[in-house]
Structure formats: C-alpha cells, structure tokens
Amino acid sequence: MTVYFIGAGPGDPELITVKGQRLIRTCPVIIYAGSLVPLAVLEGHQAVQVTNSAELHLEQIIELIKAAHAQGQDVARVHSGDPSLYGAIGEQIRHLRELGIP
C-alpha cells in the first residue's frame, strides 16, 4: 500500500503528469481537495472510494488513509498545484511517516 500525492496543477486535466493520470485511473482510493480540484481531473477513475476532503480535518484524512492501509489499498491524494509546496500536504506526510505508512 502506498499513498501517492498528486498535484493537479491549475486544474486542467490535460496538464497533469502522465504518471498522475495513471495513478488516478488505477488507485482504488482517491482523496481529492474538491474545493480546488475540478471533477474533470478525476475522469476515468476506477476507484471504489472517492472522497472530497474539502470539509475534512487532518485527523479525518489520516483516518481514511489508515483504513485504506489496513486493507492494502493504494491511495491517490490529489491536490491543486504542486503538493510539495502545499503546507497541509507536509503535515499529512509527517503523520503518515510517524504511522509507518509509505
């Protein structure tokens, strides 16, 4: 199980990396920032669980990821822009490292 942090860029589905598009199509769990990421970015997904994180707190997002980890499911964590520059993503990565979730 792996959590993939995917930057959706400015929101145009044609501007996401090829790898990002592939992960969105193949990961069974998608958590996306719905207030910033248009649904068009998620087109073609086959996920069994798709969650809009816009109204969720950090702890709730971590719980979703922990549940996926317990089931051995990869997670596509989709956010606008570059996830390495978005502060909340850094918090999520730190929590996941503490939990031993890759």
N, C-alpha and C. Protein backbone atom coordinates (compact mmCIF):
# COMPACT_ATOMS: atom_id res chain seq x y z
N MET A 1 0.84 -1.18 0.00
CA MET A 1 0.00 0.00 0.00
C MET A 1 0.88 1.24 0.00
N THR A 2 0.56 2.18 -0.87
CA THR A 2 1.31 3.42 -0.97
C THR A 2 0.34 4.58 -1.12
N VAL A 3 0.69 5.71 -0.51
CA VAL A 3 -0.06 6.95 -0.72
C VAL A 3 0.71 7.76 -1.75
N TYR A 4 0.02 8.13 -2.83
CA TYR A 4 0.62 8.93 -3.89
C TYR A 4 0.06 10.34 -3.81
N PHE A 5 0.91 11.32 -3.60
CA PHE A 5 0.49 12.72 -3.58
C PHE A 5 0.62 13.25 -5.00
N ILE A 6 -0.52 13.64 -5.57
CA ILE A 6 -0.58 14.03 -6.98
C ILE A 6 -0.99 15.49 -7.09
N GLY A 7 -0.16 16.28 -7.74
CA GLY A 7 -0.50 17.67 -7.98
C GLY A 7 -1.36 17.79 -9.23
N ALA A 8 -2.51 18.42 -9.09
CA ALA A 8 -3.42 18.59 -10.22
C ALA A 8 -3.12 19.85 -11.01
N GLY A 9 -2.02 20.52 -10.67
CA GLY A 9 -1.67 21.74 -11.38
C GLY A 9 -2.77 22.78 -11.23
N PRO A 10 -3.02 23.56 -12.28
CA PRO A 10 -4.05 24.60 -12.20
C PRO A 10 -5.47 24.07 -12.38
N GLY A 11 -5.62 22.75 -12.52
CA GLY A 11 -6.96 22.17 -12.62
C GLY A 11 -7.35 21.67 -13.99
N ASP A 12 -6.52 21.88 -14.97
CA ASP A 12 -6.79 21.39 -16.32
C ASP A 12 -6.32 19.94 -16.40
N PRO A 13 -7.22 18.99 -16.66
CA PRO A 13 -6.83 17.58 -16.70
C PRO A 13 -5.71 17.27 -17.70
N GLU A 14 -5.56 18.09 -18.71
CA GLU A 14 -4.52 17.85 -19.71
C GLU A 14 -3.13 18.28 -19.23
N LEU A 15 -3.07 18.93 -18.08
CA LEU A 15 -1.78 19.41 -17.58
C LEU A 15 -1.21 18.54 -16.46
N ILE A 16 -1.93 17.50 -16.06
CA ILE A 16 -1.42 16.59 -15.03
C ILE A 16 -0.39 15.67 -15.68
N THR A 17 0.60 15.25 -14.92
CA THR A 17 1.60 14.35 -15.47
C THR A 17 0.95 13.03 -15.90
N VAL A 18 1.61 12.35 -16.79
CA VAL A 18 1.13 11.04 -17.26
C VAL A 18 1.03 10.09 -16.07
N LYS A 19 2.03 10.10 -15.21
CA LYS A 19 2.00 9.23 -14.03
C LYS A 19 0.83 9.58 -13.12
N GLY A 20 0.59 10.87 -12.91
CA GLY A 20 -0.53 11.30 -12.09
C GLY A 20 -1.85 10.80 -12.65
N GLN A 21 -2.03 10.92 -13.96
CA GLN A 21 -3.25 10.43 -14.60
C GLN A 21 -3.40 8.93 -14.43
N ARG A 22 -2.29 8.20 -14.60
CA ARG A 22 -2.34 6.74 -14.44
C ARG A 22 -2.73 6.35 -13.03
N LEU A 23 -2.16 7.03 -12.03
CA LEU A 23 -2.48 6.72 -10.64
C LEU A 23 -3.93 7.04 -10.31
N ILE A 24 -4.44 8.14 -10.83
CA ILE A 24 -5.85 8.48 -10.60
C ILE A 24 -6.75 7.40 -11.20
N ARG A 25 -6.37 6.88 -12.36
CA ARG A 25 -7.18 5.83 -13.01
C ARG A 25 -7.10 4.49 -12.29
N THR A 26 -5.99 4.22 -11.60
CA THR A 26 -5.79 2.86 -11.07
C THR A 26 -5.89 2.71 -9.56
N CYS A 27 -5.72 3.77 -8.79
CA CYS A 27 -5.79 3.62 -7.34
C CYS A 27 -7.22 3.33 -6.89
N PRO A 28 -7.40 2.39 -5.98
CA PRO A 28 -8.75 2.07 -5.51
C PRO A 28 -9.34 3.13 -4.58
N VAL A 29 -8.49 3.99 -4.02
CA VAL A 29 -8.96 5.05 -3.12
C VAL A 29 -8.42 6.38 -3.63
N ILE A 30 -9.33 7.35 -3.76
CA ILE A 30 -8.94 8.71 -4.16
C ILE A 30 -9.45 9.67 -3.10
N ILE A 31 -8.56 10.52 -2.62
CA ILE A 31 -8.94 11.61 -1.72
C ILE A 31 -8.50 12.88 -2.43
N TYR A 32 -9.46 13.75 -2.73
CA TYR A 32 -9.14 14.95 -3.51
C TYR A 32 -9.68 16.19 -2.82
N ALA A 33 -9.02 17.30 -3.03
CA ALA A 33 -9.43 18.59 -2.47
C ALA A 33 -10.49 19.19 -3.39
N GLY A 34 -11.73 18.87 -3.13
CA GLY A 34 -12.83 19.24 -4.01
C GLY A 34 -13.04 20.73 -4.18
N SER A 35 -12.61 21.52 -3.21
CA SER A 35 -12.76 22.97 -3.34
C SER A 35 -11.74 23.54 -4.31
N LEU A 36 -10.71 22.76 -4.65
CA LEU A 36 -9.63 23.25 -5.50
C LEU A 36 -9.40 22.41 -6.76
N VAL A 37 -9.86 21.17 -6.74
CA VAL A 37 -9.62 20.25 -7.86
C VAL A 37 -10.94 19.96 -8.56
N PRO A 38 -11.09 20.34 -9.82
CA PRO A 38 -12.33 20.05 -10.54
C PRO A 38 -12.50 18.55 -10.78
N LEU A 39 -13.75 18.10 -10.80
CA LEU A 39 -14.03 16.68 -11.01
C LEU A 39 -13.47 16.16 -12.33
N ALA A 40 -13.31 17.02 -13.31
CA ALA A 40 -12.76 16.60 -14.60
C ALA A 40 -11.38 15.97 -14.44
N VAL A 41 -10.64 16.36 -13.41
CA VAL A 41 -9.32 15.80 -13.16
C VAL A 41 -9.41 14.31 -12.81
N LEU A 42 -10.56 13.89 -12.26
CA LEU A 42 -10.72 12.50 -11.83
C LEU A 42 -11.34 11.61 -12.90
N GLU A 43 -11.60 12.16 -14.07
CA GLU A 43 -12.24 11.38 -15.13
C GLU A 43 -11.47 10.10 -15.42
N GLY A 44 -12.22 9.02 -15.60
CA GLY A 44 -11.62 7.74 -15.94
C GLY A 44 -11.20 6.91 -14.75
N HIS A 45 -11.44 7.41 -13.54
CA HIS A 45 -11.02 6.65 -12.37
C HIS A 45 -11.87 5.39 -12.22
N GLN A 46 -11.30 4.40 -11.56
CA GLN A 46 -12.00 3.14 -11.28
C GLN A 46 -12.03 2.90 -9.78
N ALA A 47 -11.84 3.95 -9.00
CA ALA A 47 -11.75 3.83 -7.55
C ALA A 47 -13.05 3.32 -6.94
N VAL A 48 -12.90 2.56 -5.87
CA VAL A 48 -14.06 2.08 -5.13
C VAL A 48 -14.48 3.10 -4.07
N GLN A 49 -13.56 4.00 -3.73
CA GLN A 49 -13.85 5.04 -2.76
C GLN A 49 -13.26 6.36 -3.25
N VAL A 50 -14.11 7.37 -3.39
CA VAL A 50 -13.67 8.70 -3.79
C VAL A 50 -14.20 9.67 -2.74
N THR A 51 -13.29 10.40 -2.10
CA THR A 51 -13.67 11.29 -1.01
C THR A 51 -13.21 12.71 -1.28
N ASN A 52 -14.13 13.65 -1.15
CA ASN A 52 -13.82 15.07 -1.23
C ASN A 52 -13.35 15.50 0.15
N SER A 53 -12.11 15.93 0.26
CA SER A 53 -11.54 16.29 1.56
C SER A 53 -11.75 17.75 1.94
N ALA A 54 -12.49 18.49 1.14
CA ALA A 54 -12.64 19.93 1.37
C ALA A 54 -13.17 20.25 2.77
N GLU A 55 -14.05 19.42 3.29
CA GLU A 55 -14.66 19.69 4.60
C GLU A 55 -14.04 18.86 5.72
N LEU A 56 -12.99 18.12 5.42
CA LEU A 56 -12.39 17.23 6.41
C LEU A 56 -11.22 17.88 7.12
N HIS A 57 -11.03 17.49 8.37
CA HIS A 57 -9.87 17.93 9.15
C HIS A 57 -8.73 16.94 8.91
N LEU A 58 -7.53 17.33 9.27
CA LEU A 58 -6.35 16.49 9.08
C LEU A 58 -6.55 15.09 9.66
N GLU A 59 -7.09 15.02 10.87
CA GLU A 59 -7.27 13.73 11.52
C GLU A 59 -8.21 12.83 10.73
N GLN A 60 -9.24 13.41 10.13
CA GLN A 60 -10.19 12.63 9.34
C GLN A 60 -9.53 12.10 8.06
N ILE A 61 -8.70 12.90 7.45
CA ILE A 61 -7.99 12.47 6.24
C ILE A 61 -7.03 11.33 6.59
N ILE A 62 -6.32 11.48 7.70
CA ILE A 62 -5.39 10.43 8.13
C ILE A 62 -6.15 9.13 8.41
N GLU A 63 -7.32 9.23 9.01
CA GLU A 63 -8.12 8.02 9.29
C GLU A 63 -8.53 7.32 8.00
N LEU A 64 -8.89 8.08 6.97
CA LEU A 64 -9.23 7.47 5.68
C LEU A 64 -8.03 6.72 5.10
N ILE A 65 -6.87 7.34 5.21
CA ILE A 65 -5.65 6.70 4.69
C ILE A 65 -5.30 5.47 5.51
N LYS A 66 -5.44 5.56 6.83
CA LYS A 66 -5.17 4.39 7.68
C LYS A 66 -6.09 3.23 7.33
N ALA A 67 -7.35 3.52 7.07
CA ALA A 67 -8.31 2.46 6.70
C ALA A 67 -7.90 1.81 5.38
N ALA A 68 -7.47 2.61 4.42
CA ALA A 68 -7.01 2.06 3.14
C ALA A 68 -5.76 1.21 3.35
N HIS A 69 -4.86 1.69 4.19
CA HIS A 69 -3.63 0.96 4.50
C HIS A 69 -3.96 -0.41 5.10
N ALA A 70 -4.92 -0.43 6.03
CA ALA A 70 -5.32 -1.69 6.67
C ALA A 70 -5.86 -2.70 5.66
N GLN A 71 -6.42 -2.19 4.56
CA GLN A 71 -6.98 -3.06 3.52
C GLN A 71 -5.99 -3.29 2.37
N GLY A 72 -4.79 -2.73 2.50
CA GLY A 72 -3.78 -2.91 1.46
C GLY A 72 -4.07 -2.15 0.18
N GLN A 73 -4.84 -1.06 0.28
CA GLN A 73 -5.23 -0.30 -0.91
C GLN A 73 -4.35 0.93 -1.10
N ASP A 74 -3.89 1.15 -2.33
CA ASP A 74 -3.16 2.37 -2.66
C ASP A 74 -4.12 3.55 -2.64
N VAL A 75 -3.57 4.72 -2.32
CA VAL A 75 -4.37 5.95 -2.23
C VAL A 75 -3.78 7.00 -3.16
N ALA A 76 -4.64 7.62 -3.96
CA ALA A 76 -4.26 8.79 -4.75
C ALA A 76 -4.75 10.01 -3.98
N ARG A 77 -3.83 10.80 -3.44
CA ARG A 77 -4.17 12.02 -2.70
C ARG A 77 -3.96 13.17 -3.68
N VAL A 78 -5.05 13.72 -4.19
CA VAL A 78 -4.99 14.71 -5.28
C VAL A 78 -5.24 16.11 -4.73
N HIS A 79 -4.33 17.00 -5.03
CA HIS A 79 -4.47 18.40 -4.60
C HIS A 79 -4.10 19.32 -5.75
N SER A 80 -4.54 20.54 -5.66
CA SER A 80 -4.22 21.51 -6.70
C SER A 80 -2.74 21.89 -6.62
N GLY A 81 -2.25 22.41 -7.71
CA GLY A 81 -0.88 22.90 -7.73
C GLY A 81 0.15 21.82 -7.52
N ASP A 82 1.24 22.19 -6.87
CA ASP A 82 2.35 21.29 -6.59
C ASP A 82 2.25 20.86 -5.13
N PRO A 83 2.01 19.57 -4.85
CA PRO A 83 1.82 19.14 -3.46
C PRO A 83 3.04 19.37 -2.57
N SER A 84 4.22 19.49 -3.15
CA SER A 84 5.40 19.73 -2.32
C SER A 84 5.42 21.15 -1.77
N LEU A 85 4.60 22.03 -2.33
CA LEU A 85 4.55 23.42 -1.87
C LEU A 85 3.34 23.70 -0.99
N TYR A 86 2.44 22.75 -0.87
CA TYR A 86 1.21 22.97 -0.12
C TYR A 86 1.42 22.50 1.32
N GLY A 87 1.31 23.41 2.29
CA GLY A 87 1.62 23.14 3.68
C GLY A 87 0.89 21.97 4.31
N ALA A 88 -0.40 21.83 4.04
CA ALA A 88 -1.17 20.76 4.66
C ALA A 88 -0.71 19.38 4.20
N ILE A 89 -0.21 19.29 2.99
CA ILE A 89 0.30 18.01 2.49
C ILE A 89 1.51 17.60 3.32
N GLY A 90 2.36 18.56 3.66
CA GLY A 90 3.52 18.27 4.51
C GLY A 90 3.10 17.70 5.85
N GLU A 91 2.04 18.25 6.44
CA GLU A 91 1.52 17.72 7.70
C GLU A 91 1.06 16.28 7.54
N GLN A 92 0.37 16.01 6.44
CA GLN A 92 -0.11 14.65 6.19
C GLN A 92 1.06 13.69 6.04
N ILE A 93 2.07 14.09 5.30
CA ILE A 93 3.24 13.23 5.11
C ILE A 93 3.92 12.94 6.44
N ARG A 94 4.07 13.95 7.29
CA ARG A 94 4.69 13.74 8.61
C ARG A 94 3.89 12.74 9.44
N HIS A 95 2.57 12.89 9.47
CA HIS A 95 1.73 11.95 10.23
C HIS A 95 1.86 10.53 9.68
N LEU A 96 1.86 10.40 8.37
CA LEU A 96 1.94 9.07 7.76
C LEU A 96 3.30 8.43 8.05
N ARG A 97 4.36 9.21 8.04
CA ARG A 97 5.69 8.67 8.38
C ARG A 97 5.70 8.15 9.81
N GLU A 98 5.10 8.93 10.72
CA GLU A 98 5.04 8.50 12.12
C GLU A 98 4.28 7.18 12.27
N LEU A 99 3.30 6.96 11.41
CA LEU A 99 2.50 5.74 11.45
C LEU A 99 3.13 4.61 10.64
N GLY A 100 4.22 4.90 9.94
CA GLY A 100 4.88 3.89 9.12
C GLY A 100 4.14 3.57 7.83
N ILE A 101 3.34 4.53 7.34
CA ILE A 101 2.59 4.33 6.10
C ILE A 101 3.34 5.02 4.97
N PRO A 102 3.74 4.23 3.95
CA PRO A 102 4.53 4.82 2.85
C PRO A 102 3.70 5.69 1.92
